[in-house]
Amino acid sequence: SEVADVVVGDLVVTSGIANLIRENKTFRITSAIQTGAKFGMQLMDDALDYAGDEKVFGKAHGNDLAEGKVTLPLIWTLRRCTPSERETINAVLKADRDDAGGFEEVVAIIRRYGGIDGTIARAREHVARGKDLLARFPGGPERDALLQLSEYVVARER
């Protein structure tokens, strides 16, 4: 699927896999990896790059745009915007990194077409699927920790 779907939270997956190996339950590793992949951490990071509070987020807005990365908020928008707006976005992608006005214009276009909200909704879908996968595991501290982490993923501001 899209680029954002392939990023896995290493900490989540590594912790879960270590416990499965220690408990001699290696047959469940595939499910643990799928669970980690579904958390949507990268999707929220992509949305926050356009919409998060810089002081809370801990890094400047627009890094992805400045680096020419086309993440889900932009993909969402490019599929829906007018040809003229697409030209504006492409010009900003190719422009000097210090063009703050261009960034704000792209953010306005992304907001107009729901690119940020759509990305957050997609992250929530991934979390919901991850929770469904976690339901296959017996209850316990590891599963509870993963469930708490999944809630953090979609509520985070940084």
Protein backbone atom coordinates (compact mmCIF):
# COMPACT_ATOMS: atom_id res chain seq x y z
CA SER A 1 0.00 0.00 0.00
CA GLU A 2 1.28 3.55 0.60
CA VAL A 3 4.68 4.47 2.02
CA ALA A 4 3.25 5.14 5.46
CA ASP A 5 1.98 1.57 5.73
CA VAL A 6 5.45 0.04 5.77
CA VAL A 7 6.95 1.84 8.74
CA VAL A 8 6.94 -0.29 11.89
CA GLY A 9 7.48 0.96 15.44
CA ASP A 10 10.68 -0.98 16.22
CA LEU A 11 10.31 -0.64 19.97
CA VAL A 12 6.81 -2.10 19.96
CA VAL A 13 7.67 -5.02 17.73
CA THR A 14 11.00 -5.80 19.37
CA SER A 15 9.50 -5.89 22.86
CA GLY A 16 6.64 -8.13 21.79
CA ILE A 17 8.91 -10.49 19.86
CA ALA A 18 11.40 -10.76 22.73
CA ASN A 19 8.60 -11.88 25.04
CA LEU A 20 7.31 -14.42 22.52
CA ILE A 21 10.77 -15.92 22.09
CA ARG A 22 11.35 -16.06 25.85
CA GLU A 23 8.01 -17.82 26.30
CA ASN A 24 8.74 -20.24 23.43
CA LYS A 25 5.76 -18.91 21.45
CA THR A 26 7.59 -18.15 18.22
CA PHE A 27 4.56 -19.26 16.22
CA ARG A 28 2.97 -15.92 17.20
CA ILE A 29 5.77 -13.70 15.93
CA THR A 30 4.10 -13.00 12.58
CA SER A 31 1.00 -11.76 14.34
CA ALA A 32 3.13 -9.57 16.64
CA ILE A 33 4.85 -7.99 13.66
CA GLN A 34 1.50 -7.35 11.98
CA THR A 35 0.27 -5.75 15.18
CA GLY A 36 3.27 -3.44 15.35
CA ALA A 37 2.90 -2.49 11.71
CA LYS A 38 -0.72 -1.54 12.18
CA PHE A 39 -0.20 1.01 14.92
CA GLY A 40 -0.11 3.92 12.56
CA MET A 41 2.78 5.69 14.29
CA GLN A 42 4.19 6.92 11.00
CA LEU A 43 0.82 8.17 9.83
CA MET A 44 0.45 10.33 12.92
CA ASP A 45 3.99 11.61 12.44
CA ASP A 46 3.10 12.58 8.88
CA ALA A 47 -0.03 14.43 10.01
CA LEU A 48 1.81 16.18 12.85
CA ASP A 49 4.48 17.37 10.42
CA TYR A 50 1.77 19.62 8.97
CA ALA A 51 -0.49 20.24 11.94
CA GLY A 52 1.32 19.68 15.22
CA ASP A 53 2.39 22.41 17.61
CA GLU A 54 6.11 22.86 16.90
CA LYS A 55 6.93 23.40 20.58
CA VAL A 56 5.12 20.21 21.57
CA PHE A 57 6.06 18.24 18.44
CA GLY A 58 9.74 18.94 19.05
CA LYS A 59 10.70 19.70 15.48
CA ALA A 60 9.93 22.27 12.82
CA HIS A 61 6.86 21.88 10.66
CA GLY A 62 7.23 20.98 7.06
CA ASN A 63 10.35 18.85 7.22
CA ASP A 64 8.79 16.24 4.96
CA LEU A 65 7.67 18.86 2.44
CA ALA A 66 11.05 20.61 2.53
CA GLU A 67 12.78 17.28 1.91
CA GLY A 68 10.46 16.56 -1.00
CA LYS A 69 8.79 13.64 0.79
CA VAL A 70 5.30 12.94 -0.42
CA THR A 71 3.53 11.51 2.62
CA LEU A 72 -0.11 10.56 3.07
CA PRO A 73 -1.48 14.06 3.85
CA LEU A 74 -0.02 15.22 0.55
CA ILE A 75 -1.04 12.08 -1.37
CA TRP A 76 -4.59 12.46 -0.04
CA THR A 77 -4.66 16.07 -1.17
CA LEU A 78 -3.06 15.51 -4.57
CA ARG A 79 -5.77 12.98 -5.38
CA ARG A 80 -8.48 15.58 -4.69
CA CYS A 81 -7.15 19.05 -5.49
CA THR A 82 -7.48 21.07 -8.67
CA PRO A 83 -4.76 21.08 -11.34
CA SER A 84 -3.85 24.63 -10.31
CA GLU A 85 -3.45 23.60 -6.67
CA ARG A 86 -1.39 20.60 -7.77
CA GLU A 87 0.92 22.99 -9.63
CA THR A 88 1.26 25.10 -6.48
CA ILE A 89 2.15 22.03 -4.42
CA ASN A 90 4.71 20.88 -7.01
CA ALA A 91 6.28 24.35 -7.11
CA VAL A 92 6.64 24.35 -3.32
CA LEU A 93 8.12 20.84 -3.38
CA LYS A 94 10.78 22.12 -5.79
CA ALA A 95 11.28 25.51 -4.09
CA ASP A 96 13.83 26.71 -1.57
CA ARG A 97 13.37 25.16 1.86
CA ASP A 98 13.13 28.58 3.51
CA ASP A 99 9.92 29.55 1.69
CA ALA A 100 7.58 29.59 4.73
CA GLY A 101 4.80 31.22 2.70
CA GLY A 102 4.81 28.31 0.29
CA PHE A 103 4.58 25.85 3.16
CA GLU A 104 1.59 27.68 4.64
CA GLU A 105 -0.10 27.72 1.25
CA VAL A 106 0.35 23.95 0.90
CA VAL A 107 -0.94 23.39 4.44
CA ALA A 108 -4.04 25.43 3.57
CA ILE A 109 -4.62 23.24 0.50
CA ILE A 110 -4.06 20.07 2.55
CA ARG A 111 -6.56 21.27 5.15
CA ARG A 112 -9.08 22.23 2.45
CA TYR A 113 -9.11 18.67 1.13
CA GLY A 114 -8.94 16.92 4.51
CA GLY A 115 -5.43 15.54 4.09
CA ILE A 116 -4.57 15.84 7.77
CA ASP A 117 -7.89 14.52 9.03
CA GLY A 118 -7.83 11.74 6.46
CA THR A 119 -4.36 10.70 7.58
CA ILE A 120 -5.41 10.68 11.23
CA ALA A 121 -8.47 8.61 10.33
CA ARG A 122 -6.20 6.16 8.50
CA ALA A 123 -3.95 5.93 11.58
CA ARG A 124 -7.00 5.17 13.71
CA GLU A 125 -7.99 2.42 11.27
CA HIS A 126 -4.53 0.87 11.62
CA VAL A 127 -4.77 1.05 15.40
CA ALA A 128 -8.19 -0.59 15.32
CA ARG A 129 -6.83 -3.43 13.17
CA GLY A 130 -3.86 -3.75 15.49
CA LYS A 131 -6.19 -4.03 18.47
CA ASP A 132 -8.15 -6.72 16.65
CA LEU A 133 -4.92 -8.64 16.15
CA LEU A 134 -3.98 -8.15 19.79
CA ALA A 135 -7.28 -9.71 20.80
CA ARG A 136 -5.84 -13.03 19.57
CA PHE A 137 -3.27 -12.92 22.38
CA PRO A 138 -4.12 -13.91 25.93
CA GLY A 139 -4.48 -11.03 28.38
CA GLY A 140 -1.43 -9.96 30.31
CA PRO A 141 0.97 -7.10 30.89
CA GLU A 142 2.53 -7.31 27.42
CA ARG A 143 -0.80 -7.10 25.63
CA ASP A 144 -2.00 -4.36 27.98
CA ALA A 145 1.15 -2.35 27.25
CA LEU A 146 0.62 -2.70 23.51
CA LEU A 147 -3.01 -1.61 23.88
CA GLN A 148 -1.94 1.45 25.87
CA LEU A 149 0.68 2.25 23.27
CA SER A 150 -1.86 1.97 20.50
CA GLU A 151 -4.05 4.54 22.25
CA TYR A 152 -1.05 6.85 22.64
CA VAL A 153 -0.25 6.59 18.93
CA VAL A 154 -3.48 8.24 17.82
CA ALA A 155 -3.67 10.71 20.72
CA ARG A 156 -0.08 11.93 20.58
CA GLU A 157 0.95 15.46 19.79
CA ARG A 158 4.65 14.76 19.27
